Amino acid sequence: MPELGCRNVRDYRQFGELPTARTSFAASCQAVPMEIDEAGFEELVARALDGVPAELADLMDNVVVLVEPEPPAEDPDLLGLYDGVPLTERDSNYTFLPPDRIFIYRGPLTRMCESADKLVDEVRITVVHEIAHHFGIDDRALHDLGYA
């Protein structure tokens, strides 16, 4: 199963220069971590999911969104991760499988943002990014759309 993840803005060197707004965001989000409790963060993720258009949400199949405090130790800057078989790769043999998983990692997101507004925006971007992987959209296309 593919594992596709959204990493902290420092890791987007592979795509070249980021858009100006995103670059300035990266520079402003490294100073003071945003503090939010587990329930508050889960509410931000729920609001981001509620913001997904119904037409797309209805197409999501056999996937669960999980909030975790931290990413795996080998990738501490990981903001989110899609672990599963994208819809575009499923065929008639895709049956009786456990759900795909979208992980949203609270620690790195709160550490990179110094304000509630920036945290809300980054959570939304990360949720959309990982849902896009569920639909088979790769990192290059997401970068071009501003969701990298």
C-alpha atoms as a PDB file:
ATOM      1  CA  MET A   1       0.000   0.000   0.000  1.00  0.00           C
ATOM      2  CA  PRO A   2       1.340   3.453  -0.813  1.00  0.00           C
ATOM      3  CA  GLU A   3       2.170   5.801   2.014  1.00  0.00           C
ATOM      4  CA  LEU A   4       1.967   9.415   0.969  1.00  0.00           C
ATOM      5  CA  GLY A   5       2.550  12.175   3.466  1.00  0.00           C
ATOM      6  CA  CYS A   6       2.489  15.903   3.903  1.00  0.00           C
ATOM      7  CA  ARG A   7       5.665  17.261   5.445  1.00  0.00           C
ATOM      8  CA  ASN A   8       6.619  20.516   7.038  1.00  0.00           C
ATOM      9  CA  VAL A   9       7.267  23.288   4.505  1.00  0.00           C
ATOM     10  CA  ARG A  10      11.021  22.875   4.947  1.00  0.00           C
ATOM     11  CA  ASP A  11      10.809  19.599   3.017  1.00  0.00           C
ATOM     12  CA  TYR A  12       9.360  21.005  -0.206  1.00  0.00           C
ATOM     13  CA  ARG A  13      12.773  21.634  -1.791  1.00  0.00           C
ATOM     14  CA  GLN A  14      12.029  18.849  -4.285  1.00  0.00           C
ATOM     15  CA  PHE A  15       9.439  21.085  -5.942  1.00  0.00           C
ATOM     16  CA  GLY A  16      11.644  24.145  -6.277  1.00  0.00           C
ATOM     17  CA  GLU A  17      10.565  27.550  -5.059  1.00  0.00           C
ATOM     18  CA  LEU A  18       7.270  27.737  -3.219  1.00  0.00           C
ATOM     19  CA  PRO A  19       4.699  30.434  -3.942  1.00  0.00           C
ATOM     20  CA  THR A  20       5.526  33.690  -2.160  1.00  0.00           C
ATOM     21  CA  ALA A  21       2.632  33.471   0.312  1.00  0.00           C
ATOM     22  CA  ARG A  22       3.653  29.959   1.319  1.00  0.00           C
ATOM     23  CA  THR A  23       7.319  30.924   1.620  1.00  0.00           C
ATOM     24  CA  SER A  24       6.513  33.834   3.920  1.00  0.00           C
ATOM     25  CA  PHE A  25       4.204  31.527   5.886  1.00  0.00           C
ATOM     26  CA  ALA A  26       7.090  29.118   6.398  1.00  0.00           C
ATOM     27  CA  ALA A  27       9.300  31.912   7.675  1.00  0.00           C
ATOM     28  CA  SER A  28       6.644  33.135  10.113  1.00  0.00           C
ATOM     29  CA  CYS A  29       5.680  29.719  11.503  1.00  0.00           C
ATOM     30  CA  GLN A  30       8.918  28.648  13.117  1.00  0.00           C
ATOM     31  CA  ALA A  31       9.085  30.886  16.179  1.00  0.00           C
ATOM     32  CA  VAL A  32       6.485  30.115  18.848  1.00  0.00           C
ATOM     33  CA  PRO A  33       4.477  26.880  18.884  1.00  0.00           C
ATOM     34  CA  MET A  34       0.711  27.134  19.063  1.00  0.00           C
ATOM     35  CA  GLU A  35      -0.720  25.485  22.168  1.00  0.00           C
ATOM     36  CA  ILE A  36      -4.009  23.592  21.863  1.00  0.00           C
ATOM     37  CA  ASP A  37      -5.362  20.618  23.755  1.00  0.00           C
ATOM     38  CA  GLU A  38      -6.219  17.293  22.152  1.00  0.00           C
ATOM     39  CA  ALA A  39      -9.968  17.962  21.994  1.00  0.00           C
ATOM     40  CA  GLY A  40      -9.452  21.396  20.478  1.00  0.00           C
ATOM     41  CA  PHE A  41      -7.146  20.010  17.813  1.00  0.00           C
ATOM     42  CA  GLU A  42      -9.590  17.219  16.978  1.00  0.00           C
ATOM     43  CA  GLU A  43     -12.255  19.897  16.541  1.00  0.00           C
ATOM     44  CA  LEU A  44     -10.021  21.683  14.008  1.00  0.00           C
ATOM     45  CA  VAL A  45      -9.660  18.429  12.066  1.00  0.00           C
ATOM     46  CA  ALA A  46     -13.439  17.854  12.239  1.00  0.00           C
ATOM     47  CA  ARG A  47     -14.064  21.372  10.899  1.00  0.00           C
ATOM     48  CA  ALA A  48     -11.593  20.772   8.079  1.00  0.00           C
ATOM     49  CA  LEU A  49     -13.428  17.554   7.201  1.00  0.00           C
ATOM     50  CA  ASP A  50     -16.767  19.376   7.337  1.00  0.00           C
ATOM     51  CA  GLY A  51     -15.336  21.821   4.807  1.00  0.00           C
ATOM     52  CA  VAL A  52     -14.844  19.088   2.212  1.00  0.00           C
ATOM     53  CA  PRO A  53     -17.577  19.496  -0.419  1.00  0.00           C
ATOM     54  CA  ALA A  54     -20.331  16.901  -0.009  1.00  0.00           C
ATOM     55  CA  GLU A  55     -19.813  15.727  -3.601  1.00  0.00           C
ATOM     56  CA  LEU A  56     -16.253  14.695  -2.717  1.00  0.00           C
ATOM     57  CA  ALA A  57     -16.976  13.429   0.788  1.00  0.00           C
ATOM     58  CA  ASP A  58     -19.620  11.113  -0.670  1.00  0.00           C
ATOM     59  CA  LEU A  59     -16.969   9.574  -2.938  1.00  0.00           C
ATOM     60  CA  MET A  60     -14.597   8.743  -0.103  1.00  0.00           C
ATOM     61  CA  ASP A  61     -14.699   4.998   0.430  1.00  0.00           C
ATOM     62  CA  ASN A  62     -13.327   2.768   3.174  1.00  0.00           C
ATOM     63  CA  VAL A  63     -11.125   5.408   4.777  1.00  0.00           C
ATOM     64  CA  VAL A  64     -10.788   6.641   8.352  1.00  0.00           C
ATOM     65  CA  VAL A  65      -9.194   9.878   9.586  1.00  0.00           C
ATOM     66  CA  LEU A  66      -7.136   9.544  12.757  1.00  0.00           C
ATOM     67  CA  VAL A  67      -5.500  12.237  14.870  1.00  0.00           C
ATOM     68  CA  GLU A  68      -2.219  11.223  16.473  1.00  0.00           C
ATOM     69  CA  PRO A  69      -0.041  13.263  18.823  1.00  0.00           C
ATOM     70  CA  GLU A  70       3.215  12.687  16.912  1.00  0.00           C
ATOM     71  CA  PRO A  71       4.402  11.140  13.654  1.00  0.00           C
ATOM     72  CA  PRO A  72       6.756   8.155  13.529  1.00  0.00           C
ATOM     73  CA  ALA A  73      10.147   8.937  15.098  1.00  0.00           C
ATOM     74  CA  GLU A  74      11.941   8.460  11.769  1.00  0.00           C
ATOM     75  CA  ASP A  75       9.955  11.335  10.213  1.00  0.00           C
ATOM     76  CA  PRO A  76       9.356  13.949  12.948  1.00  0.00           C
ATOM     77  CA  ASP A  77       8.299  16.753  10.544  1.00  0.00           C
ATOM     78  CA  LEU A  78       5.475  14.733   8.991  1.00  0.00           C
ATOM     79  CA  LEU A  79       2.196  16.665   9.212  1.00  0.00           C
ATOM     80  CA  GLY A  80      -0.090  13.996   7.783  1.00  0.00           C
ATOM     81  CA  LEU A  81       0.019  10.612   6.126  1.00  0.00           C
ATOM     82  CA  TYR A  82      -2.232   8.628   3.810  1.00  0.00           C
ATOM     83  CA  ASP A  83      -1.800   4.882   4.195  1.00  0.00           C
ATOM     84  CA  GLY A  84      -3.907   2.849   1.799  1.00  0.00           C
ATOM     85  CA  VAL A  85      -4.897   2.101  -1.762  1.00  0.00           C
ATOM     86  CA  PRO A  86      -6.002   5.233  -3.652  1.00  0.00           C
ATOM     87  CA  LEU A  87      -9.399   5.043  -5.330  1.00  0.00           C
ATOM     88  CA  THR A  88      -7.703   5.265  -8.726  1.00  0.00           C
ATOM     89  CA  GLU A  89      -5.768   2.046  -8.050  1.00  0.00           C
ATOM     90  CA  ARG A  90      -8.598  -0.083  -6.712  1.00  0.00           C
ATOM     91  CA  ASP A  91     -10.014  -2.867  -8.820  1.00  0.00           C
ATOM     92  CA  SER A  92     -12.417  -5.773  -8.391  1.00  0.00           C
ATOM     93  CA  ASN A  93      -9.913  -7.479  -6.053  1.00  0.00           C
ATOM     94  CA  TYR A  94     -10.258  -4.647  -3.533  1.00  0.00           C
ATOM     95  CA  THR A  95     -12.626  -6.383  -1.120  1.00  0.00           C
ATOM     96  CA  PHE A  96     -12.717  -7.235   2.574  1.00  0.00           C
ATOM     97  CA  LEU A  97      -9.760  -4.993   3.371  1.00  0.00           C
ATOM     98  CA  PRO A  98      -9.332  -2.823   6.458  1.00  0.00           C
ATOM     99  CA  PRO A  99      -9.974   0.867   5.848  1.00  0.00           C
ATOM    100  CA  ASP A 100      -7.340   3.162   4.448  1.00  0.00           C
ATOM    101  CA  ARG A 101      -6.000   5.518   7.086  1.00  0.00           C
ATOM    102  CA  ILE A 102      -5.375   9.230   7.030  1.00  0.00           C
ATOM    103  CA  PHE A 103      -3.232  10.364   9.947  1.00  0.00           C
ATOM    104  CA  ILE A 104      -3.088  14.007  11.034  1.00  0.00           C
ATOM    105  CA  TYR A 105      -0.214  14.713  13.441  1.00  0.00           C
ATOM    106  CA  ARG A 106      -0.899  17.357  16.096  1.00  0.00           C
ATOM    107  CA  GLY A 107       2.665  17.910  17.326  1.00  0.00           C
ATOM    108  CA  PRO A 108       4.367  19.089  14.146  1.00  0.00           C
ATOM    109  CA  LEU A 109       1.364  21.201  13.127  1.00  0.00           C
ATOM    110  CA  THR A 110       1.202  23.011  16.466  1.00  0.00           C
ATOM    111  CA  ARG A 111       4.973  23.491  16.587  1.00  0.00           C
ATOM    112  CA  MET A 112       5.125  25.129  13.170  1.00  0.00           C
ATOM    113  CA  CYS A 113       2.324  27.650  13.802  1.00  0.00           C
ATOM    114  CA  GLU A 114       2.425  30.650  16.063  1.00  0.00           C
ATOM    115  CA  SER A 115      -1.246  31.651  15.838  1.00  0.00           C
ATOM    116  CA  ALA A 116      -4.657  30.016  15.860  1.00  0.00           C
ATOM    117  CA  ASP A 117      -5.417  31.326  12.360  1.00  0.00           C
ATOM    118  CA  LYS A 118      -2.270  29.773  10.927  1.00  0.00           C
ATOM    119  CA  LEU A 119      -2.989  26.493  12.694  1.00  0.00           C
ATOM    120  CA  VAL A 120      -6.551  26.379  11.323  1.00  0.00           C
ATOM    121  CA  ASP A 121      -5.185  27.007   7.823  1.00  0.00           C
ATOM    122  CA  GLU A 122      -2.428  24.382   8.089  1.00  0.00           C
ATOM    123  CA  VAL A 123      -4.800  21.745   9.472  1.00  0.00           C
ATOM    124  CA  ARG A 124      -7.198  22.421   6.580  1.00  0.00           C
ATOM    125  CA  ILE A 125      -4.405  22.193   4.020  1.00  0.00           C
ATOM    126  CA  THR A 126      -3.064  18.968   5.559  1.00  0.00           C
ATOM    127  CA  VAL A 127      -6.506  17.333   5.683  1.00  0.00           C
ATOM    128  CA  VAL A 128      -7.213  18.275   2.055  1.00  0.00           C
ATOM    129  CA  HIS A 129      -3.735  17.106   1.044  1.00  0.00           C
ATOM    130  CA  GLU A 130      -4.206  13.649   2.551  1.00  0.00           C
ATOM    131  CA  ILE A 131      -7.757  13.283   1.201  1.00  0.00           C
ATOM    132  CA  ALA A 132      -6.380  14.136  -2.227  1.00  0.00           C
ATOM    133  CA  HIS A 133      -3.989  11.184  -1.926  1.00  0.00           C
ATOM    134  CA  HIS A 134      -7.042   8.982  -1.250  1.00  0.00           C
ATOM    135  CA  PHE A 135      -8.349  10.180  -4.627  1.00  0.00           C
ATOM    136  CA  GLY A 136      -5.029   9.347  -6.300  1.00  0.00           C
ATOM    137  CA  ILE A 137      -3.637  12.886  -6.595  1.00  0.00           C
ATOM    138  CA  ASP A 138       0.149  12.959  -6.184  1.00  0.00           C
ATOM    139  CA  ASP A 139       2.380  15.495  -4.422  1.00  0.00           C
ATOM    140  CA  ARG A 140       3.402  17.274  -7.630  1.00  0.00           C
ATOM    141  CA  ALA A 141      -0.229  17.992  -8.576  1.00  0.00           C
ATOM    142  CA  LEU A 142      -0.999  19.064  -5.011  1.00  0.00           C
ATOM    143  CA  HIS A 143       1.954  21.441  -5.049  1.00  0.00           C
ATOM    144  CA  ASP A 144       0.726  22.942  -8.318  1.00  0.00           C
ATOM    145  CA  LEU A 145      -2.723  23.414  -6.735  1.00  0.00           C
ATOM    146  CA  GLY A 146      -1.276  25.054  -3.601  1.00  0.00           C
ATOM    147  CA  TYR A 147      -1.941  22.119  -1.271  1.00  0.00           C
ATOM    148  CA  ALA A 148       1.620  20.921  -0.784  1.00  0.00           C
END
